[in-house]
Each structure stands twice: as structure tokens, then as C-alpha cells.
Amino acid sequence: MQFVVIEDFRGGDPKAIYRRFRDKGRLAPEGFVVHHSWVAADMSRCFMLVEADDVTLVQRWVVEWADLVGFEIVPVATSKDTVVGLSPHL
């Protein structure tokens, strides 16, 4: 399952986040895959496309960062998969 993750950097200061990332890595459990990551121009937020077969992997990752980051997590499907799923109803 794929998710779009929007991370809001608490306090608007990304330094603590990048310090932890530098020192400890992404802190993601095995099976949690980050496909792409983008940072807003003002460095206040990060947008990610991630994948995990089990939603608890996402939850385990969130716990590692929740003191520094607020999360919005949206399960998503590709447009192609959506068309296939809807085709019997079109």
C-alpha cells in the first residue's frame, strides 16, 4: 500500500530533524520504503511517497519522529489502478 505523507516540522525549524536523520538515519522499520521525498522551499514541511504492506510499519516510523514532526498520512492508489477498479462501473 502506498501513502502520501506530509510532515510539518514542529516549530518551523528543520535543524533538529536533519540532525537526527544525520545521526540515526530514517529510523524506518524493515519493509517501510520511501520512494520519493520533497522539501518545501521554506523548509517548513516535507512531502513523501512511501510504501508499506502493513500499516503498523508506518505507525512504528511515525512514533520515532512524532516529537519533532506532525504527520498527515493519506493512503493513495495510482490513477491506473483506480481506472481498473472503477471500469466495471463506468
PDB file of N, CA and C in Angstrom:
ATOM      1  N   MET A   1       0.843  -1.170   0.000  1.00  0.00           N
ATOM      2  CA  MET A   1       0.000   0.000   0.000  1.00  0.00           C
ATOM      3  C   MET A   1       0.891   1.236   0.000  1.00  0.00           C
ATOM      4  N   GLN A   2       0.488   2.233  -0.805  1.00  0.00           N
ATOM      5  CA  GLN A   2       1.259   3.472  -0.863  1.00  0.00           C
ATOM      6  C   GLN A   2       0.542   4.578  -0.092  1.00  0.00           C
ATOM      7  N   PHE A   3       1.359   5.493   0.438  1.00  0.00           N
ATOM      8  CA  PHE A   3       0.856   6.607   1.223  1.00  0.00           C
ATOM      9  C   PHE A   3       1.575   7.876   0.814  1.00  0.00           C
ATOM     10  N   VAL A   4       0.844   8.979   0.757  1.00  0.00           N
ATOM     11  CA  VAL A   4       1.467  10.287   0.685  1.00  0.00           C
ATOM     12  C   VAL A   4       1.542  10.786   2.125  1.00  0.00           C
ATOM     13  N   VAL A   5       2.732  11.168   2.542  1.00  0.00           N
ATOM     14  CA  VAL A   5       2.960  11.646   3.901  1.00  0.00           C
ATOM     15  C   VAL A   5       3.342  13.119   3.822  1.00  0.00           C
ATOM     16  N   ILE A   6       2.641  13.926   4.593  1.00  0.00           N
ATOM     17  CA  ILE A   6       3.000  15.339   4.728  1.00  0.00           C
ATOM     18  C   ILE A   6       3.507  15.520   6.145  1.00  0.00           C
ATOM     19  N   GLU A   7       4.762  15.903   6.246  1.00  0.00           N
ATOM     20  CA  GLU A   7       5.386  16.147   7.544  1.00  0.00           C
ATOM     21  C   GLU A   7       5.446  17.647   7.777  1.00  0.00           C
ATOM     22  N   ASP A   8       4.873  18.097   8.874  1.00  0.00           N
ATOM     23  CA  ASP A   8       5.001  19.506   9.278  1.00  0.00           C
ATOM     24  C   ASP A   8       6.057  19.578  10.364  1.00  0.00           C
ATOM     25  N   PHE A   9       7.116  20.330  10.106  1.00  0.00           N
ATOM     26  CA  PHE A   9       8.218  20.439  11.059  1.00  0.00           C
ATOM     27  C   PHE A   9       7.774  21.290  12.231  1.00  0.00           C
ATOM     28  N   ARG A  10       7.733  20.713  13.412  1.00  0.00           N
ATOM     29  CA  ARG A  10       7.288  21.433  14.613  1.00  0.00           C
ATOM     30  C   ARG A  10       8.220  22.621  14.868  1.00  0.00           C
ATOM     31  N   GLY A  11       7.623  23.769  15.142  1.00  0.00           N
ATOM     32  CA  GLY A  11       8.407  24.968  15.403  1.00  0.00           C
ATOM     33  C   GLY A  11       8.990  25.601  14.148  1.00  0.00           C
ATOM     34  N   GLY A  12       8.723  25.005  12.981  1.00  0.00           N
ATOM     35  CA  GLY A  12       9.227  25.559  11.734  1.00  0.00           C
ATOM     36  C   GLY A  12      10.737  25.498  11.576  1.00  0.00           C
ATOM     37  N   ASP A  13      11.416  24.722  12.426  1.00  0.00           N
ATOM     38  CA  ASP A  13      12.876  24.646  12.377  1.00  0.00           C
ATOM     39  C   ASP A  13      13.295  23.222  12.024  1.00  0.00           C
ATOM     40  N   PRO A  14      13.803  23.009  10.835  1.00  0.00           N
ATOM     41  CA  PRO A  14      14.154  21.658  10.409  1.00  0.00           C
ATOM     42  C   PRO A  14      15.496  21.146  10.952  1.00  0.00           C
ATOM     43  N   LYS A  15      16.253  21.976  11.647  1.00  0.00           N
ATOM     44  CA  LYS A  15      17.606  21.567  12.050  1.00  0.00           C
ATOM     45  C   LYS A  15      17.614  20.328  12.935  1.00  0.00           C
ATOM     46  N   ALA A  16      16.721  20.266  13.915  1.00  0.00           N
ATOM     47  CA  ALA A  16      16.686  19.097  14.800  1.00  0.00           C
ATOM     48  C   ALA A  16      16.330  17.838  14.030  1.00  0.00           C
ATOM     49  N   ILE A  17      15.453  17.968  13.046  1.00  0.00           N
ATOM     50  CA  ILE A  17      15.059  16.812  12.235  1.00  0.00           C
ATOM     51  C   ILE A  17      16.245  16.318  11.419  1.00  0.00           C
ATOM     52  N   TYR A  18      16.932  17.224  10.755  1.00  0.00           N
ATOM     53  CA  TYR A  18      18.064  16.815   9.926  1.00  0.00           C
ATOM     54  C   TYR A  18      19.245  16.341  10.763  1.00  0.00           C
ATOM     55  N   ARG A  19      19.358  16.839  11.967  1.00  0.00           N
ATOM     56  CA  ARG A  19      20.391  16.342  12.884  1.00  0.00           C
ATOM     57  C   ARG A  19      20.129  14.880  13.234  1.00  0.00           C
ATOM     58  N   ARG A  20      18.876  14.584  13.604  1.00  0.00           N
ATOM     59  CA  ARG A  20      18.526  13.193  13.928  1.00  0.00           C
ATOM     60  C   ARG A  20      18.712  12.298  12.711  1.00  0.00           C
ATOM     61  N   PHE A  21      18.258  12.777  11.543  1.00  0.00           N
ATOM     62  CA  PHE A  21      18.415  11.998  10.317  1.00  0.00           C
ATOM     63  C   PHE A  21      19.886  11.713  10.040  1.00  0.00           C
ATOM     64  N   ARG A  22      20.733  12.719  10.229  1.00  0.00           N
ATOM     65  CA  ARG A  22      22.176  12.545  10.030  1.00  0.00           C
ATOM     66  C   ARG A  22      22.745  11.516  11.000  1.00  0.00           C
ATOM     67  N   ASP A  23      22.322  11.593  12.260  1.00  0.00           N
ATOM     68  CA  ASP A  23      22.892  10.745  13.303  1.00  0.00           C
ATOM     69  C   ASP A  23      22.311   9.337  13.352  1.00  0.00           C
ATOM     70  N   LYS A  24      21.016   9.185  13.014  1.00  0.00           N
ATOM     71  CA  LYS A  24      20.346   7.891  13.204  1.00  0.00           C
ATOM     72  C   LYS A  24      19.704   7.324  11.943  1.00  0.00           C
ATOM     73  N   GLY A  25      19.736   8.087  10.849  1.00  0.00           N
ATOM     74  CA  GLY A  25      19.092   7.615   9.635  1.00  0.00           C
ATOM     75  C   GLY A  25      17.595   7.847   9.675  1.00  0.00           C
ATOM     76  N   ARG A  26      16.877   7.194   8.793  1.00  0.00           N
ATOM     77  CA  ARG A  26      15.443   7.414   8.650  1.00  0.00           C
ATOM     78  C   ARG A  26      14.632   6.785   9.779  1.00  0.00           C
ATOM     79  N   LEU A  27      15.220   5.843  10.524  1.00  0.00           N
ATOM     80  CA  LEU A  27      14.557   5.151  11.627  1.00  0.00           C
ATOM     81  C   LEU A  27      13.313   4.405  11.166  1.00  0.00           C
ATOM     82  N   ALA A  28      13.348   3.918   9.949  1.00  0.00           N
ATOM     83  CA  ALA A  28      12.221   3.189   9.376  1.00  0.00           C
ATOM     84  C   ALA A  28      12.385   1.695   9.614  1.00  0.00           C
ATOM     85  N   PRO A  29      11.295   1.023   9.966  1.00  0.00           N
ATOM     86  CA  PRO A  29      11.370  -0.420  10.134  1.00  0.00           C
ATOM     87  C   PRO A  29      11.553  -1.115   8.789  1.00  0.00           C
ATOM     88  N   GLU A  30      12.060  -2.321   8.834  1.00  0.00           N
ATOM     89  CA  GLU A  30      12.223  -3.107   7.608  1.00  0.00           C
ATOM     90  C   GLU A  30      10.863  -3.282   6.954  1.00  0.00           C
ATOM     91  N   GLY A  31      10.809  -3.062   5.645  1.00  0.00           N
ATOM     92  CA  GLY A  31       9.560  -3.167   4.908  1.00  0.00           C
ATOM     93  C   GLY A  31       8.884  -1.830   4.662  1.00  0.00           C
ATOM     94  N   PHE A  32       9.396  -0.763   5.277  1.00  0.00           N
ATOM     95  CA  PHE A  32       8.899   0.595   5.051  1.00  0.00           C
ATOM     96  C   PHE A  32       9.810   1.219   4.009  1.00  0.00           C
ATOM     97  N   VAL A  33       9.253   1.574   2.863  1.00  0.00           N
ATOM     98  CA  VAL A  33      10.055   2.053   1.735  1.00  0.00           C
ATOM     99  C   VAL A  33       9.683   3.496   1.409  1.00  0.00           C
ATOM    100  N   VAL A  34      10.680   4.347   1.323  1.00  0.00           N
ATOM    101  CA  VAL A  34      10.475   5.733   0.889  1.00  0.00           C
ATOM    102  C   VAL A  34      10.842   5.793  -0.594  1.00  0.00           C
ATOM    103  N   HIS A  35       9.864   6.116  -1.431  1.00  0.00           N
ATOM    104  CA  HIS A  35      10.105   6.197  -2.871  1.00  0.00           C
ATOM    105  C   HIS A  35      10.633   7.567  -3.276  1.00  0.00           C
ATOM    106  N   HIS A  36      10.039   8.610  -2.741  1.00  0.00           N
ATOM    107  CA  HIS A  36      10.450   9.975  -3.079  1.00  0.00           C
ATOM    108  C   HIS A  36      10.205  10.874  -1.887  1.00  0.00           C
ATOM    109  N   SER A  37      10.963  11.960  -1.825  1.00  0.00           N
ATOM    110  CA  SER A  37      10.818  12.925  -0.745  1.00  0.00           C
ATOM    111  C   SER A  37      11.124  14.312  -1.298  1.00  0.00           C
ATOM    112  N   TRP A  38      10.271  15.276  -0.952  1.00  0.00           N
ATOM    113  CA  TRP A  38      10.459  16.651  -1.387  1.00  0.00           C
ATOM    114  C   TRP A  38      10.310  17.564  -0.181  1.00  0.00           C
ATOM    115  N   VAL A  39      11.091  18.615  -0.109  1.00  0.00           N
ATOM    116  CA  VAL A  39      11.009  19.577   0.990  1.00  0.00           C
ATOM    117  C   VAL A  39      10.504  20.902   0.422  1.00  0.00           C
ATOM    118  N   ALA A  40       9.555  21.518   1.124  1.00  0.00           N
ATOM    119  CA  ALA A  40       9.025  22.820   0.704  1.00  0.00           C
ATOM    120  C   ALA A  40      10.155  23.842   0.640  1.00  0.00           C
ATOM    121  N   ALA A  41      10.014  24.816  -0.227  1.00  0.00           N
ATOM    122  CA  ALA A  41      11.055  25.828  -0.414  1.00  0.00           C
ATOM    123  C   ALA A  41      11.368  26.579   0.873  1.00  0.00           C
ATOM    124  N   ASP A  42      10.364  26.754   1.743  1.00  0.00           N
ATOM    125  CA  ASP A  42      10.614  27.459   3.001  1.00  0.00           C
ATOM    126  C   ASP A  42      11.089  26.524   4.118  1.00  0.00           C
ATOM    127  N   MET A  43      11.283  25.261   3.786  1.00  0.00           N
ATOM    128  CA  MET A  43      11.806  24.225   4.692  1.00  0.00           C
ATOM    129  C   MET A  43      10.904  24.000   5.918  1.00  0.00           C
ATOM    130  N   SER A  44       9.609  24.239   5.768  1.00  0.00           N
ATOM    131  CA  SER A  44       8.676  24.039   6.877  1.00  0.00           C
ATOM    132  C   SER A  44       8.001  22.681   6.846  1.00  0.00           C
ATOM    133  N   ARG A  45       8.042  22.016   5.671  1.00  0.00           N
ATOM    134  CA  ARG A  45       7.355  20.739   5.518  1.00  0.00           C
ATOM    135  C   ARG A  45       8.104  19.843   4.540  1.00  0.00           C
ATOM    136  N   CYS A  46       7.761  18.571   4.622  1.00  0.00           N
ATOM    137  CA  CYS A  46       8.306  17.576   3.709  1.00  0.00           C
ATOM    138  C   CYS A  46       7.142  16.767   3.163  1.00  0.00           C
ATOM    139  N   PHE A  47       7.213  16.396   1.907  1.00  0.00           N
ATOM    140  CA  PHE A  47       6.200  15.587   1.240  1.00  0.00           C
ATOM    141  C   PHE A  47       6.874  14.295   0.787  1.00  0.00           C
ATOM    142  N   MET A  48       6.262  13.170   1.110  1.00  0.00           N
ATOM    143  CA  MET A  48       6.891  11.886   0.810  1.00  0.00           C
ATOM    144  C   MET A  48       5.894  10.927   0.169  1.00  0.00           C
ATOM    145  N   LEU A  49       6.397  10.067  -0.697  1.00  0.00           N
ATOM    146  CA  LEU A  49       5.643   8.926  -1.179  1.00  0.00           C
ATOM    147  C   LEU A  49       6.307   7.703  -0.583  1.00  0.00           C
ATOM    148  N   VAL A  50       5.565   6.981   0.256  1.00  0.00           N
ATOM    149  CA  VAL A  50       6.120   5.817   0.950  1.00  0.00           C
ATOM    150  C   VAL A  50       5.250   4.603   0.672  1.00  0.00           C
ATOM    151  N   GLU A  51       5.801   3.439   0.988  1.00  0.00           N
ATOM    152  CA  GLU A  51       5.073   2.191   0.772  1.00  0.00           C
ATOM    153  C   GLU A  51       5.335   1.239   1.925  1.00  0.00           C
ATOM    154  N   ALA A  52       4.290   0.535   2.317  1.00  0.00           N
ATOM    155  CA  ALA A  52       4.409  -0.489   3.353  1.00  0.00           C
ATOM    156  C   ALA A  52       3.238  -1.454   3.180  1.00  0.00           C
ATOM    157  N   ASP A  53       3.516  -2.747   3.298  1.00  0.00           N
ATOM    158  CA  ASP A  53       2.455  -3.744   3.185  1.00  0.00           C
ATOM    159  C   ASP A  53       1.578  -3.791   4.423  1.00  0.00           C
ATOM    160  N   ASP A  54       2.087  -3.277   5.525  1.00  0.00           N
ATOM    161  CA  ASP A  54       1.385  -3.322   6.806  1.00  0.00           C
ATOM    162  C   ASP A  54       1.382  -1.913   7.386  1.00  0.00           C
ATOM    163  N   VAL A  55       0.209  -1.378   7.660  1.00  0.00           N
ATOM    164  CA  VAL A  55       0.104  -0.003   8.163  1.00  0.00           C
ATOM    165  C   VAL A  55       0.827   0.173   9.496  1.00  0.00           C
ATOM    166  N   THR A  56       1.014  -0.896  10.249  1.00  0.00           N
ATOM    167  CA  THR A  56       1.728  -0.753  11.520  1.00  0.00           C
ATOM    168  C   THR A  56       3.186  -0.372  11.311  1.00  0.00           C
ATOM    169  N   LEU A  57       3.753  -0.652  10.143  1.00  0.00           N
ATOM    170  CA  LEU A  57       5.116  -0.199   9.837  1.00  0.00           C
ATOM    171  C   LEU A  57       5.155   1.318   9.756  1.00  0.00           C
ATOM    172  N   VAL A  58       4.121   1.904   9.169  1.00  0.00           N
ATOM    173  CA  VAL A  58       4.029   3.365   9.098  1.00  0.00           C
ATOM    174  C   VAL A  58       3.899   3.924  10.514  1.00  0.00           C
ATOM    175  N   GLN A  59       3.063   3.298  11.319  1.00  0.00           N
ATOM    176  CA  GLN A  59       2.872   3.757  12.691  1.00  0.00           C
ATOM    177  C   GLN A  59       4.165   3.670  13.497  1.00  0.00           C
ATOM    178  N   ARG A  60       4.921   2.598  13.323  1.00  0.00           N
ATOM    179  CA  ARG A  60       6.197   2.459  14.039  1.00  0.00           C
ATOM    180  C   ARG A  60       7.171   3.559  13.636  1.00  0.00           C
ATOM    181  N   TRP A  61       7.165   3.929  12.360  1.00  0.00           N
ATOM    182  CA  TRP A  61       8.039   5.002  11.880  1.00  0.00           C
ATOM    183  C   TRP A  61       7.604   6.346  12.461  1.00  0.00           C
ATOM    184  N   VAL A  62       6.294   6.611  12.463  1.00  0.00           N
ATOM    185  CA  VAL A  62       5.765   7.874  12.992  1.00  0.00           C
ATOM    186  C   VAL A  62       6.185   8.077  14.444  1.00  0.00           C
ATOM    187  N   VAL A  63       6.132   7.028  15.238  1.00  0.00           N
ATOM    188  CA  VAL A  63       6.496   7.130  16.657  1.00  0.00           C
ATOM    189  C   VAL A  63       7.930   7.639  16.832  1.00  0.00           C
ATOM    190  N   GLU A  64       8.817   7.275  15.928  1.00  0.00           N
ATOM    191  CA  GLU A  64      10.219   7.694  16.017  1.00  0.00           C
ATOM    192  C   GLU A  64      10.408   9.191  15.798  1.00  0.00           C
ATOM    193  N   TRP A  65       9.445   9.833  15.143  1.00  0.00           N
ATOM    194  CA  TRP A  65       9.604  11.236  14.750  1.00  0.00           C
ATOM    195  C   TRP A  65       8.548  12.164  15.334  1.00  0.00           C
ATOM    196  N   ALA A  66       7.553  11.642  16.012  1.00  0.00           N
ATOM    197  CA  ALA A  66       6.405  12.437  16.447  1.00  0.00           C
ATOM    198  C   ALA A  66       6.767  13.596  17.377  1.00  0.00           C
ATOM    199  N   ASP A  67       7.904  13.530  18.050  1.00  0.00           N
ATOM    200  CA  ASP A  67       8.304  14.646  18.909  1.00  0.00           C
ATOM    201  C   ASP A  67       8.771  15.857  18.109  1.00  0.00           C
ATOM    202  N   LEU A  68       9.156  15.638  16.852  1.00  0.00           N
ATOM    203  CA  LEU A  68       9.675  16.721  16.015  1.00  0.00           C
ATOM    204  C   LEU A  68       8.784  17.065  14.819  1.00  0.00           C
ATOM    205  N   VAL A  69       7.874  16.152  14.485  1.00  0.00           N
ATOM    206  CA  VAL A  69       7.116  16.269  13.243  1.00  0.00           C
ATOM    207  C   VAL A  69       5.645  15.965  13.500  1.00  0.00           C
ATOM    208  N   GLY A  70       4.768  16.780  12.882  1.00  0.00           N
ATOM    209  CA  GLY A  70       3.342  16.461  12.813  1.00  0.00           C
ATOM    210  C   GLY A  70       3.081  15.791  11.478  1.00  0.00           C
ATOM    211  N   PHE A  71       2.206  14.792  11.456  1.00  0.00           N
ATOM    212  CA  PHE A  71       2.001  13.992  10.248  1.00  0.00           C
ATOM    213  C   PHE A  71       0.576  14.068   9.735  1.00  0.00           C
ATOM    214  N   GLU A  72       0.455  14.128   8.410  1.00  0.00           N
ATOM    215  CA  GLU A  72      -0.791  13.817   7.723  1.00  0.00           C
ATOM    216  C   GLU A  72      -0.445  12.670   6.782  1.00  0.00           C
ATOM    217  N   ILE A  73      -1.185  11.568   6.884  1.00  0.00           N
ATOM    218  CA  ILE A  73      -0.869  10.368   6.098  1.00  0.00           C
ATOM    219  C   ILE A  73      -2.120   9.979   5.314  1.00  0.00           C
ATOM    220  N   VAL A  74      -1.963   9.910   3.981  1.00  0.00           N
ATOM    221  CA  VAL A  74      -3.089   9.642   3.098  1.00  0.00           C
ATOM    222  C   VAL A  74      -2.796   8.385   2.283  1.00  0.00           C
ATOM    223  N   PRO A  75      -3.597   7.312   2.467  1.00  0.00           N
ATOM    224  CA  PRO A  75      -3.431   6.147   1.593  1.00  0.00           C
ATOM    225  C   PRO A  75      -3.833   6.536   0.170  1.00  0.00           C
ATOM    226  N   VAL A  76      -3.042   6.120  -0.808  1.00  0.00           N
ATOM    227  CA  VAL A  76      -3.303   6.501  -2.196  1.00  0.00           C
ATOM    228  C   VAL A  76      -3.209   5.289  -3.112  1.00  0.00           C
ATOM    229  N   ALA A  77      -3.841   5.435  -4.291  1.00  0.00           N
ATOM    230  CA  ALA A  77      -3.741   4.446  -5.362  1.00  0.00           C
ATOM    231  C   ALA A  77      -3.340   5.187  -6.625  1.00  0.00           C
ATOM    232  N   THR A  78      -2.681   4.503  -7.525  1.00  0.00           N
ATOM    233  CA  THR A  78      -2.317   5.125  -8.791  1.00  0.00           C
ATOM    234  C   THR A  78      -3.579   5.365  -9.619  1.00  0.00           C
ATOM    235  N   SER A  79      -3.502   6.306 -10.529  1.00  0.00           N
ATOM    236  CA  SER A  79      -4.633   6.561 -11.425  1.00  0.00           C
ATOM    237  C   SER A  79      -4.963   5.311 -12.233  1.00  0.00           C
ATOM    238  N   LYS A  80      -3.929   4.600 -12.673  1.00  0.00           N
ATOM    239  CA  LYS A  80      -4.130   3.383 -13.461  1.00  0.00           C
ATOM    240  C   LYS A  80      -4.918   2.348 -12.660  1.00  0.00           C
ATOM    241  N   ASP A  81      -4.542   2.122 -11.406  1.00  0.00           N
ATOM    242  CA  ASP A  81      -5.256   1.155 -10.580  1.00  0.00           C
ATOM    243  C   ASP A  81      -6.688   1.608 -10.307  1.00  0.00           C
ATOM    244  N   THR A  82      -6.892   2.895 -10.157  1.00  0.00           N
ATOM    245  CA  THR A  82      -8.234   3.424  -9.926  1.00  0.00           C
ATOM    246  C   THR A  82      -9.127   3.188 -11.136  1.00  0.00           C
ATOM    247  N   VAL A  83      -8.595   3.414 -12.338  1.00  0.00           N
ATOM    248  CA  VAL A  83      -9.367   3.167 -13.560  1.00  0.00           C
ATOM    249  C   VAL A  83      -9.761   1.699 -13.645  1.00  0.00           C
ATOM    250  N   VAL A  84      -8.837   0.802 -13.350  1.00  0.00           N
ATOM    251  CA  VAL A  84      -9.141  -0.632 -13.386  1.00  0.00           C
ATOM    252  C   VAL A  84     -10.234  -0.958 -12.367  1.00  0.00           C
ATOM    253  N   GLY A  85     -10.137  -0.407 -11.173  1.00  0.00           N
ATOM    254  CA  GLY A  85     -11.135  -0.674 -10.143  1.00  0.00           C
ATOM    255  C   GLY A  85     -12.510  -0.125 -10.477  1.00  0.00           C
ATOM    256  N   LEU A  86     -12.545   1.003 -11.150  1.00  0.00           N
ATOM    257  CA  LEU A  86     -13.818   1.636 -11.493  1.00  0.00           C
ATOM    258  C   LEU A  86     -14.413   1.151 -12.805  1.00  0.00           C
ATOM    259  N   SER A  87     -13.619   0.508 -13.660  1.00  0.00           N
ATOM    260  CA  SER A  87     -14.065   0.179 -15.007  1.00  0.00           C
ATOM    261  C   SER A  87     -15.380  -0.598 -15.053  1.00  0.00           C
ATOM    262  N   PRO A  88     -15.675  -1.528 -14.137  1.00  0.00           N
ATOM    263  CA  PRO A  88     -16.973  -2.199 -14.209  1.00  0.00           C
ATOM    264  C   PRO A  88     -18.156  -1.254 -13.953  1.00  0.00           C
ATOM    265  N   HIS A  89     -17.905  -0.112 -13.370  1.00  0.00           N
ATOM    266  CA  HIS A  89     -18.972   0.819 -13.028  1.00  0.00           C
ATOM    267  C   HIS A  89     -19.092   1.997 -13.997  1.00  0.00           C
ATOM    268  N   LEU A  90     -18.243   2.024 -14.996  1.00  0.00           N
ATOM    269  CA  LEU A  90     -18.250   3.154 -15.938  1.00  0.00           C
ATOM    270  C   LEU A  90     -19.148   2.878 -17.130  1.00  0.00           C
TER     271      LEU A  90
END
